[in-house]
Amino acid sequence: MLEELRKRRLDLGINAVDMAAALGLKTQGAYYKKETGAVKIDVSEGAIIAKMLKCSMDDLFFGYELSESDKTKQNPKAS
């Protein structure tokens, strides 16, 4: 999830200073702590980030990867 956030931000040419400002953070370091997962992103911040990165919160924060147990449930013959 966090890798996707960084990738999208860089692909769009948005720097950490702009992200920090949009979130009301004082420094880019404060933003980096959120982007790396050291500090949690709350729902309201997630909405701002998704809007800036031109995607939905689902796409950004809730990927569609399945765990191995979910894959087995969907395809019992795979195990």
PDB file of N, CA and C in Angstrom:
ATOM      1  N   MET A   1       0.810  -1.178   0.000  1.00  0.00           N
ATOM      2  CA  MET A   1       0.000   0.000   0.000  1.00  0.00           C
ATOM      3  C   MET A   1       0.864   1.257   0.000  1.00  0.00           C
ATOM      4  N   LEU A   2       1.773   1.366   0.930  1.00  0.00           N
ATOM      5  CA  LEU A   2       2.577   2.573   1.032  1.00  0.00           C
ATOM      6  C   LEU A   2       3.505   2.740  -0.166  1.00  0.00           C
ATOM      7  N   GLU A   3       3.941   1.628  -0.739  1.00  0.00           N
ATOM      8  CA  GLU A   3       4.770   1.716  -1.941  1.00  0.00           C
ATOM      9  C   GLU A   3       3.971   2.330  -3.082  1.00  0.00           C
ATOM     10  N   GLU A   4       2.688   1.966  -3.170  1.00  0.00           N
ATOM     11  CA  GLU A   4       1.821   2.508  -4.217  1.00  0.00           C
ATOM     12  C   GLU A   4       1.608   4.003  -4.022  1.00  0.00           C
ATOM     13  N   LEU A   5       1.464   4.430  -2.789  1.00  0.00           N
ATOM     14  CA  LEU A   5       1.297   5.849  -2.491  1.00  0.00           C
ATOM     15  C   LEU A   5       2.510   6.633  -3.002  1.00  0.00           C
ATOM     16  N   ARG A   6       3.683   6.180  -2.652  1.00  0.00           N
ATOM     17  CA  ARG A   6       4.913   6.866  -3.084  1.00  0.00           C
ATOM     18  C   ARG A   6       5.054   6.842  -4.603  1.00  0.00           C
ATOM     19  N   LYS A   7       4.791   5.700  -5.208  1.00  0.00           N
ATOM     20  CA  LYS A   7       4.912   5.567  -6.664  1.00  0.00           C
ATOM     21  C   LYS A   7       3.974   6.537  -7.383  1.00  0.00           C
ATOM     22  N   ARG A   8       2.722   6.572  -6.961  1.00  0.00           N
ATOM     23  CA  ARG A   8       1.758   7.476  -7.593  1.00  0.00           C
ATOM     24  C   ARG A   8       2.178   8.934  -7.414  1.00  0.00           C
ATOM     25  N   ARG A   9       2.635   9.274  -6.217  1.00  0.00           N
ATOM     26  CA  ARG A   9       3.052  10.658  -5.951  1.00  0.00           C
ATOM     27  C   ARG A   9       4.192  11.058  -6.879  1.00  0.00           C
ATOM     28  N   LEU A  10       5.176  10.189  -6.985  1.00  0.00           N
ATOM     29  CA  LEU A  10       6.322  10.492  -7.842  1.00  0.00           C
ATOM     30  C   LEU A  10       5.930  10.521  -9.312  1.00  0.00           C
ATOM     31  N   ASP A  11       5.077   9.587  -9.721  1.00  0.00           N
ATOM     32  CA  ASP A  11       4.622   9.559 -11.120  1.00  0.00           C
ATOM     33  C   ASP A  11       3.907  10.849 -11.513  1.00  0.00           C
ATOM     34  N   LEU A  12       3.196  11.440 -10.561  1.00  0.00           N
ATOM     35  CA  LEU A  12       2.477  12.686 -10.832  1.00  0.00           C
ATOM     36  C   LEU A  12       3.335  13.927 -10.610  1.00  0.00           C
ATOM     37  N   GLY A  13       4.561  13.730 -10.150  1.00  0.00           N
ATOM     38  CA  GLY A  13       5.462  14.853  -9.939  1.00  0.00           C
ATOM     39  C   GLY A  13       5.102  15.712  -8.735  1.00  0.00           C
ATOM     40  N   ILE A  14       4.449  15.110  -7.760  1.00  0.00           N
ATOM     41  CA  ILE A  14       4.061  15.841  -6.551  1.00  0.00           C
ATOM     42  C   ILE A  14       5.134  15.614  -5.497  1.00  0.00           C
ATOM     43  N   ASN A  15       5.646  16.690  -4.939  1.00  0.00           N
ATOM     44  CA  ASN A  15       6.704  16.522  -3.938  1.00  0.00           C
ATOM     45  C   ASN A  15       6.118  16.427  -2.526  1.00  0.00           C
ATOM     46  N   ALA A  16       6.950  16.006  -1.611  1.00  0.00           N
ATOM     47  CA  ALA A  16       6.517  15.789  -0.234  1.00  0.00           C
ATOM     48  C   ALA A  16       6.126  17.097   0.456  1.00  0.00           C
ATOM     49  N   VAL A  17       6.724  18.208   0.056  1.00  0.00           N
ATOM     50  CA  VAL A  17       6.375  19.508   0.637  1.00  0.00           C
ATOM     51  C   VAL A  17       4.925  19.839   0.313  1.00  0.00           C
ATOM     52  N   ASP A  18       4.511  19.602  -0.938  1.00  0.00           N
ATOM     53  CA  ASP A  18       3.128  19.868  -1.338  1.00  0.00           C
ATOM     54  C   ASP A  18       2.154  18.946  -0.619  1.00  0.00           C
ATOM     55  N   MET A  19       2.530  17.682  -0.457  1.00  0.00           N
ATOM     56  CA  MET A  19       1.673  16.734   0.257  1.00  0.00           C
ATOM     57  C   MET A  19       1.530  17.163   1.720  1.00  0.00           C
ATOM     58  N   ALA A  20       2.644  17.549   2.334  1.00  0.00           N
ATOM     59  CA  ALA A  20       2.608  17.994   3.727  1.00  0.00           C
ATOM     60  C   ALA A  20       1.689  19.200   3.872  1.00  0.00           C
ATOM     61  N   ALA A  21       1.815  20.160   2.969  1.00  0.00           N
ATOM     62  CA  ALA A  21       0.976  21.366   3.031  1.00  0.00           C
ATOM     63  C   ALA A  21      -0.500  21.003   2.891  1.00  0.00           C
ATOM     64  N   ALA A  22      -0.829  20.112   1.977  1.00  0.00           N
ATOM     65  CA  ALA A  22      -2.226  19.718   1.769  1.00  0.00           C
ATOM     66  C   ALA A  22      -2.817  19.057   3.014  1.00  0.00           C
ATOM     67  N   LEU A  23      -1.969  18.359   3.763  1.00  0.00           N
ATOM     68  CA  LEU A  23      -2.418  17.663   4.957  1.00  0.00           C
ATOM     69  C   LEU A  23      -2.333  18.537   6.211  1.00  0.00           C
ATOM     70  N   GLY A  24      -1.812  19.759   6.064  1.00  0.00           N
ATOM     71  CA  GLY A  24      -1.669  20.644   7.209  1.00  0.00           C
ATOM     72  C   GLY A  24      -0.491  20.289   8.096  1.00  0.00           C
ATOM     73  N   LEU A  25       0.479  19.574   7.538  1.00  0.00           N
ATOM     74  CA  LEU A  25       1.674  19.201   8.290  1.00  0.00           C
ATOM     75  C   LEU A  25       2.722  20.297   8.138  1.00  0.00           C
ATOM     76  N   LYS A  26       3.561  20.458   9.131  1.00  0.00           N
ATOM     77  CA  LYS A  26       4.535  21.549   9.110  1.00  0.00           C
ATOM     78  C   LYS A  26       5.774  21.260   8.275  1.00  0.00           C
ATOM     79  N   THR A  27       6.118  19.977   8.119  1.00  0.00           N
ATOM     80  CA  THR A  27       7.355  19.653   7.399  1.00  0.00           C
ATOM     81  C   THR A  27       7.148  18.479   6.452  1.00  0.00           C
ATOM     82  N   GLN A  28       8.045  18.380   5.489  1.00  0.00           N
ATOM     83  CA  GLN A  28       8.000  17.218   4.605  1.00  0.00           C
ATOM     84  C   GLN A  28       8.377  15.959   5.368  1.00  0.00           C
ATOM     85  N   GLY A  29       9.192  16.116   6.397  1.00  0.00           N
ATOM     86  CA  GLY A  29       9.552  14.969   7.229  1.00  0.00           C
ATOM     87  C   GLY A  29       8.327  14.356   7.898  1.00  0.00           C
ATOM     88  N   ALA A  30       7.414  15.216   8.331  1.00  0.00           N
ATOM     89  CA  ALA A  30       6.169  14.726   8.941  1.00  0.00           C
ATOM     90  C   ALA A  30       5.365  13.936   7.920  1.00  0.00           C
ATOM     91  N   TYR A  31       5.374  14.411   6.673  1.00  0.00           N
ATOM     92  CA  TYR A  31       4.666  13.668   5.622  1.00  0.00           C
ATOM     93  C   TYR A  31       5.365  12.331   5.358  1.00  0.00           C
ATOM     94  N   TYR A  32       6.685  12.342   5.258  1.00  0.00           N
ATOM     95  CA  TYR A  32       7.413  11.099   4.991  1.00  0.00           C
ATOM     96  C   TYR A  32       7.119  10.036   6.048  1.00  0.00           C
ATOM     97  N   LYS A  33       6.933  10.463   7.298  1.00  0.00           N
ATOM     98  CA  LYS A  33       6.609   9.500   8.353  1.00  0.00           C
ATOM     99  C   LYS A  33       5.287   8.809   8.064  1.00  0.00           C
ATOM    100  N   LYS A  34       4.348   9.519   7.480  1.00  0.00           N
ATOM    101  CA  LYS A  34       3.071   8.913   7.104  1.00  0.00           C
ATOM    102  C   LYS A  34       3.253   8.019   5.879  1.00  0.00           C
ATOM    103  N   GLU A  35       3.998   8.491   4.901  1.00  0.00           N
ATOM    104  CA  GLU A  35       4.186   7.729   3.671  1.00  0.00           C
ATOM    105  C   GLU A  35       4.931   6.421   3.919  1.00  0.00           C
ATOM    106  N   THR A  36       5.809   6.411   4.887  1.00  0.00           N
ATOM    107  CA  THR A  36       6.579   5.196   5.181  1.00  0.00           C
ATOM    108  C   THR A  36       5.885   4.283   6.186  1.00  0.00           C
ATOM    109  N   GLY A  37       4.804   4.779   6.786  1.00  0.00           N
ATOM    110  CA  GLY A  37       4.073   3.956   7.736  1.00  0.00           C
ATOM    111  C   GLY A  37       4.508   4.125   9.174  1.00  0.00           C
ATOM    112  N   ALA A  38       5.461   5.006   9.434  1.00  0.00           N
ATOM    113  CA  ALA A  38       5.899   5.241  10.813  1.00  0.00           C
ATOM    114  C   ALA A  38       4.784   5.905  11.630  1.00  0.00           C
ATOM    115  N   VAL A  39       3.963   6.713  10.944  1.00  0.00           N
ATOM    116  CA  VAL A  39       2.805   7.356  11.561  1.00  0.00           C
ATOM    117  C   VAL A  39       1.592   7.004  10.703  1.00  0.00           C
ATOM    118  N   LYS A  40       0.514   6.630  11.351  1.00  0.00           N
ATOM    119  CA  LYS A  40      -0.683   6.205  10.628  1.00  0.00           C
ATOM    120  C   LYS A  40      -1.354   7.371   9.906  1.00  0.00           C
ATOM    121  N   ILE A  41      -1.982   7.035   8.783  1.00  0.00           N
ATOM    122  CA  ILE A  41      -2.763   7.992   8.009  1.00  0.00           C
ATOM    123  C   ILE A  41      -4.216   7.812   8.425  1.00  0.00           C
ATOM    124  N   ASP A  42      -4.857   8.904   8.870  1.00  0.00           N
ATOM    125  CA  ASP A  42      -6.264   8.765   9.253  1.00  0.00           C
ATOM    126  C   ASP A  42      -7.155   8.909   8.016  1.00  0.00           C
ATOM    127  N   VAL A  43      -8.433   8.660   8.190  1.00  0.00           N
ATOM    128  CA  VAL A  43      -9.363   8.634   7.058  1.00  0.00           C
ATOM    129  C   VAL A  43      -9.431   9.977   6.345  1.00  0.00           C
ATOM    130  N   SER A  44      -9.482  11.059   7.090  1.00  0.00           N
ATOM    131  CA  SER A  44      -9.567  12.373   6.438  1.00  0.00           C
ATOM    132  C   SER A  44      -8.299  12.681   5.649  1.00  0.00           C
ATOM    133  N   GLU A  45      -7.156  12.285   6.181  1.00  0.00           N
ATOM    134  CA  GLU A  45      -5.895  12.463   5.436  1.00  0.00           C
ATOM    135  C   GLU A  45      -5.884  11.566   4.206  1.00  0.00           C
ATOM    136  N   GLY A  46      -6.391  10.367   4.344  1.00  0.00           N
ATOM    137  CA  GLY A  46      -6.458   9.446   3.205  1.00  0.00           C
ATOM    138  C   GLY A  46      -7.276  10.018   2.071  1.00  0.00           C
ATOM    139  N   ALA A  47      -8.365  10.677   2.412  1.00  0.00           N
ATOM    140  CA  ALA A  47      -9.209  11.297   1.384  1.00  0.00           C
ATOM    141  C   ALA A  47      -8.463  12.416   0.661  1.00  0.00           C
ATOM    142  N   ILE A  48      -7.723  13.219   1.396  1.00  0.00           N
ATOM    143  CA  ILE A  48      -6.940  14.301   0.795  1.00  0.00           C
ATOM    144  C   ILE A  48      -5.857  13.733  -0.108  1.00  0.00           C
ATOM    145  N   ILE A  49      -5.162  12.725   0.376  1.00  0.00           N
ATOM    146  CA  ILE A  49      -4.086  12.102  -0.403  1.00  0.00           C
ATOM    147  C   ILE A  49      -4.640  11.501  -1.688  1.00  0.00           C
ATOM    148  N   ALA A  50      -5.730  10.769  -1.590  1.00  0.00           N
ATOM    149  CA  ALA A  50      -6.322  10.138  -2.776  1.00  0.00           C
ATOM    150  C   ALA A  50      -6.734  11.196  -3.803  1.00  0.00           C
ATOM    151  N   LYS A  51      -7.311  12.289  -3.330  1.00  0.00           N
ATOM    152  CA  LYS A  51      -7.709  13.364  -4.246  1.00  0.00           C
ATOM    153  C   LYS A  51      -6.490  13.954  -4.943  1.00  0.00           C
ATOM    154  N   MET A  52      -5.433  14.202  -4.196  1.00  0.00           N
ATOM    155  CA  MET A  52      -4.215  14.764  -4.795  1.00  0.00           C
ATOM    156  C   MET A  52      -3.594  13.804  -5.809  1.00  0.00           C
ATOM    157  N   LEU A  53      -3.714  12.506  -5.530  1.00  0.00           N
ATOM    158  CA  LEU A  53      -3.104  11.504  -6.403  1.00  0.00           C
ATOM    159  C   LEU A  53      -4.071  11.002  -7.471  1.00  0.00           C
ATOM    160  N   LYS A  54      -5.235  11.655  -7.558  1.00  0.00           N
ATOM    161  CA  LYS A  54      -6.211  11.382  -8.616  1.00  0.00           C
ATOM    162  C   LYS A  54      -6.638   9.913  -8.669  1.00  0.00           C
ATOM    163  N   CYS A  55      -6.972   9.389  -7.507  1.00  0.00           N
ATOM    164  CA  CYS A  55      -7.437   8.006  -7.437  1.00  0.00           C
ATOM    165  C   CYS A  55      -8.399   7.874  -6.262  1.00  0.00           C
ATOM    166  N   SER A  56      -9.018   6.725  -6.161  1.00  0.00           N
ATOM    167  CA  SER A  56      -9.918   6.509  -5.030  1.00  0.00           C
ATOM    168  C   SER A  56      -9.114   6.023  -3.825  1.00  0.00           C
ATOM    169  N   MET A  57      -9.702   6.170  -2.661  1.00  0.00           N
ATOM    170  CA  MET A  57      -9.055   5.649  -1.456  1.00  0.00           C
ATOM    171  C   MET A  57      -8.938   4.131  -1.549  1.00  0.00           C
ATOM    172  N   ASP A  58      -9.930   3.480  -2.122  1.00  0.00           N
ATOM    173  CA  ASP A  58      -9.870   2.023  -2.281  1.00  0.00           C
ATOM    174  C   ASP A  58      -8.656   1.617  -3.101  1.00  0.00           C
ATOM    175  N   ASP A  59      -8.458   2.293  -4.230  1.00  0.00           N
ATOM    176  CA  ASP A  59      -7.319   1.950  -5.095  1.00  0.00           C
ATOM    177  C   ASP A  59      -5.993   2.172  -4.387  1.00  0.00           C
ATOM    178  N   LEU A  60      -5.927   3.222  -3.612  1.00  0.00           N
ATOM    179  CA  LEU A  60      -4.664   3.587  -2.982  1.00  0.00           C
ATOM    180  C   LEU A  60      -4.358   2.777  -1.731  1.00  0.00           C
ATOM    181  N   PHE A  61      -5.356   2.585  -0.895  1.00  0.00           N
ATOM    182  CA  PHE A  61      -5.102   1.991   0.411  1.00  0.00           C
ATOM    183  C   PHE A  61      -5.579   0.555   0.586  1.00  0.00           C
ATOM    184  N   PHE A  62      -6.451   0.094  -0.299  1.00  0.00           N
ATOM    185  CA  PHE A  62      -7.010  -1.243  -0.131  1.00  0.00           C
ATOM    186  C   PHE A  62      -6.821  -2.035  -1.408  1.00  0.00           C
ATOM    187  N   GLY A  63      -5.576  -2.463  -1.644  1.00  0.00           N
ATOM    188  CA  GLY A  63      -5.250  -3.209  -2.856  1.00  0.00           C
ATOM    189  C   GLY A  63      -6.058  -4.479  -2.979  1.00  0.00           C
ATOM    190  N   TYR A  64      -5.979  -5.076  -4.104  1.00  0.00           N
ATOM    191  CA  TYR A  64      -6.774  -6.254  -4.402  1.00  0.00           C
ATOM    192  C   TYR A  64      -5.973  -7.539  -4.321  1.00  0.00           C
ATOM    193  N   GLU A  65      -4.854  -7.505  -3.617  1.00  0.00           N
ATOM    194  CA  GLU A  65      -4.082  -8.730  -3.437  1.00  0.00           C
ATOM    195  C   GLU A  65      -4.832  -9.659  -2.500  1.00  0.00           C
ATOM    196  N   LEU A  66      -4.805 -10.929  -2.813  1.00  0.00           N
ATOM    197  CA  LEU A  66      -5.429 -11.924  -1.960  1.00  0.00           C
ATOM    198  C   LEU A  66      -4.372 -12.655  -1.161  1.00  0.00           C
ATOM    199  N   SER A  67      -4.695 -12.945   0.070  1.00  0.00           N
ATOM    200  CA  SER A  67      -3.783 -13.760   0.860  1.00  0.00           C
ATOM    201  C   SER A  67      -3.834 -15.182   0.311  1.00  0.00           C
ATOM    202  N   GLU A  68      -2.866 -15.989   0.679  1.00  0.00           N
ATOM    203  CA  GLU A  68      -2.845 -17.367   0.221  1.00  0.00           C
ATOM    204  C   GLU A  68      -4.100 -18.118   0.658  1.00  0.00           C
ATOM    205  N   SER A  69      -4.595 -17.847   1.861  1.00  0.00           N
ATOM    206  CA  SER A  69      -5.802 -18.536   2.322  1.00  0.00           C
ATOM    207  C   SER A  69      -7.017 -18.111   1.508  1.00  0.00           C
ATOM    208  N   ASP A  70      -7.092 -16.835   1.120  1.00  0.00           N
ATOM    209  CA  ASP A  70      -8.202 -16.382   0.287  1.00  0.00           C
ATOM    210  C   ASP A  70      -8.132 -17.009  -1.095  1.00  0.00           C
ATOM    211  N   LYS A  71      -6.927 -17.150  -1.632  1.00  0.00           N
ATOM    212  CA  LYS A  71      -6.766 -17.770  -2.952  1.00  0.00           C
ATOM    213  C   LYS A  71      -7.241 -19.219  -2.915  1.00  0.00           C
ATOM    214  N   THR A  72      -6.930 -19.902  -1.828  1.00  0.00           N
ATOM    215  CA  THR A  72      -7.323 -21.307  -1.690  1.00  0.00           C
ATOM    216  C   THR A  72      -8.846 -21.421  -1.583  1.00  0.00           C
ATOM    217  N   LYS A  73      -9.471 -20.484  -0.864  1.00  0.00           N
ATOM    218  CA  LYS A  73     -10.919 -20.499  -0.730  1.00  0.00           C
ATOM    219  C   LYS A  73     -11.595 -20.288  -2.090  1.00  0.00           C
ATOM    220  N   GLN A  74     -11.007 -19.447  -2.935  1.00  0.00           N
ATOM    221  CA  GLN A  74     -11.586 -19.189  -4.236  1.00  0.00           C
ATOM    222  C   GLN A  74     -11.332 -20.312  -5.225  1.00  0.00           C
ATOM    223  N   ASN A  75     -10.225 -21.009  -5.043  1.00  0.00           N
ATOM    224  CA  ASN A  75      -9.877 -22.087  -5.962  1.00  0.00           C
ATOM    225  C   ASN A  75      -9.351 -23.272  -5.142  1.00  0.00           C
ATOM    226  N   PRO A  76     -10.231 -24.099  -4.586  1.00  0.00           N
ATOM    227  CA  PRO A  76      -9.803 -25.181  -3.709  1.00  0.00           C
ATOM    228  C   PRO A  76      -8.839 -26.164  -4.365  1.00  0.00           C
ATOM    229  N   LYS A  77      -8.845 -26.267  -5.674  1.00  0.00           N
ATOM    230  CA  LYS A  77      -7.950 -27.203  -6.363  1.00  0.00           C
ATOM    231  C   LYS A  77      -6.520 -26.693  -6.392  1.00  0.00           C
ATOM    232  N   ALA A  78      -6.308 -25.418  -6.073  1.00  0.00           N
ATOM    233  CA  ALA A  78      -4.963 -24.825  -6.116  1.00  0.00           C
ATOM    234  C   ALA A  78      -4.084 -25.334  -4.984  1.00  0.00           C
ATOM    235  N   SER A  79      -4.658 -25.898  -3.929  1.00  0.00           N
ATOM    236  CA  SER A  79      -3.844 -26.343  -2.798  1.00  0.00           C
ATOM    237  C   SER A  79      -3.425 -27.770  -2.936  1.00  0.00           C
TER     238      SER A  79
END
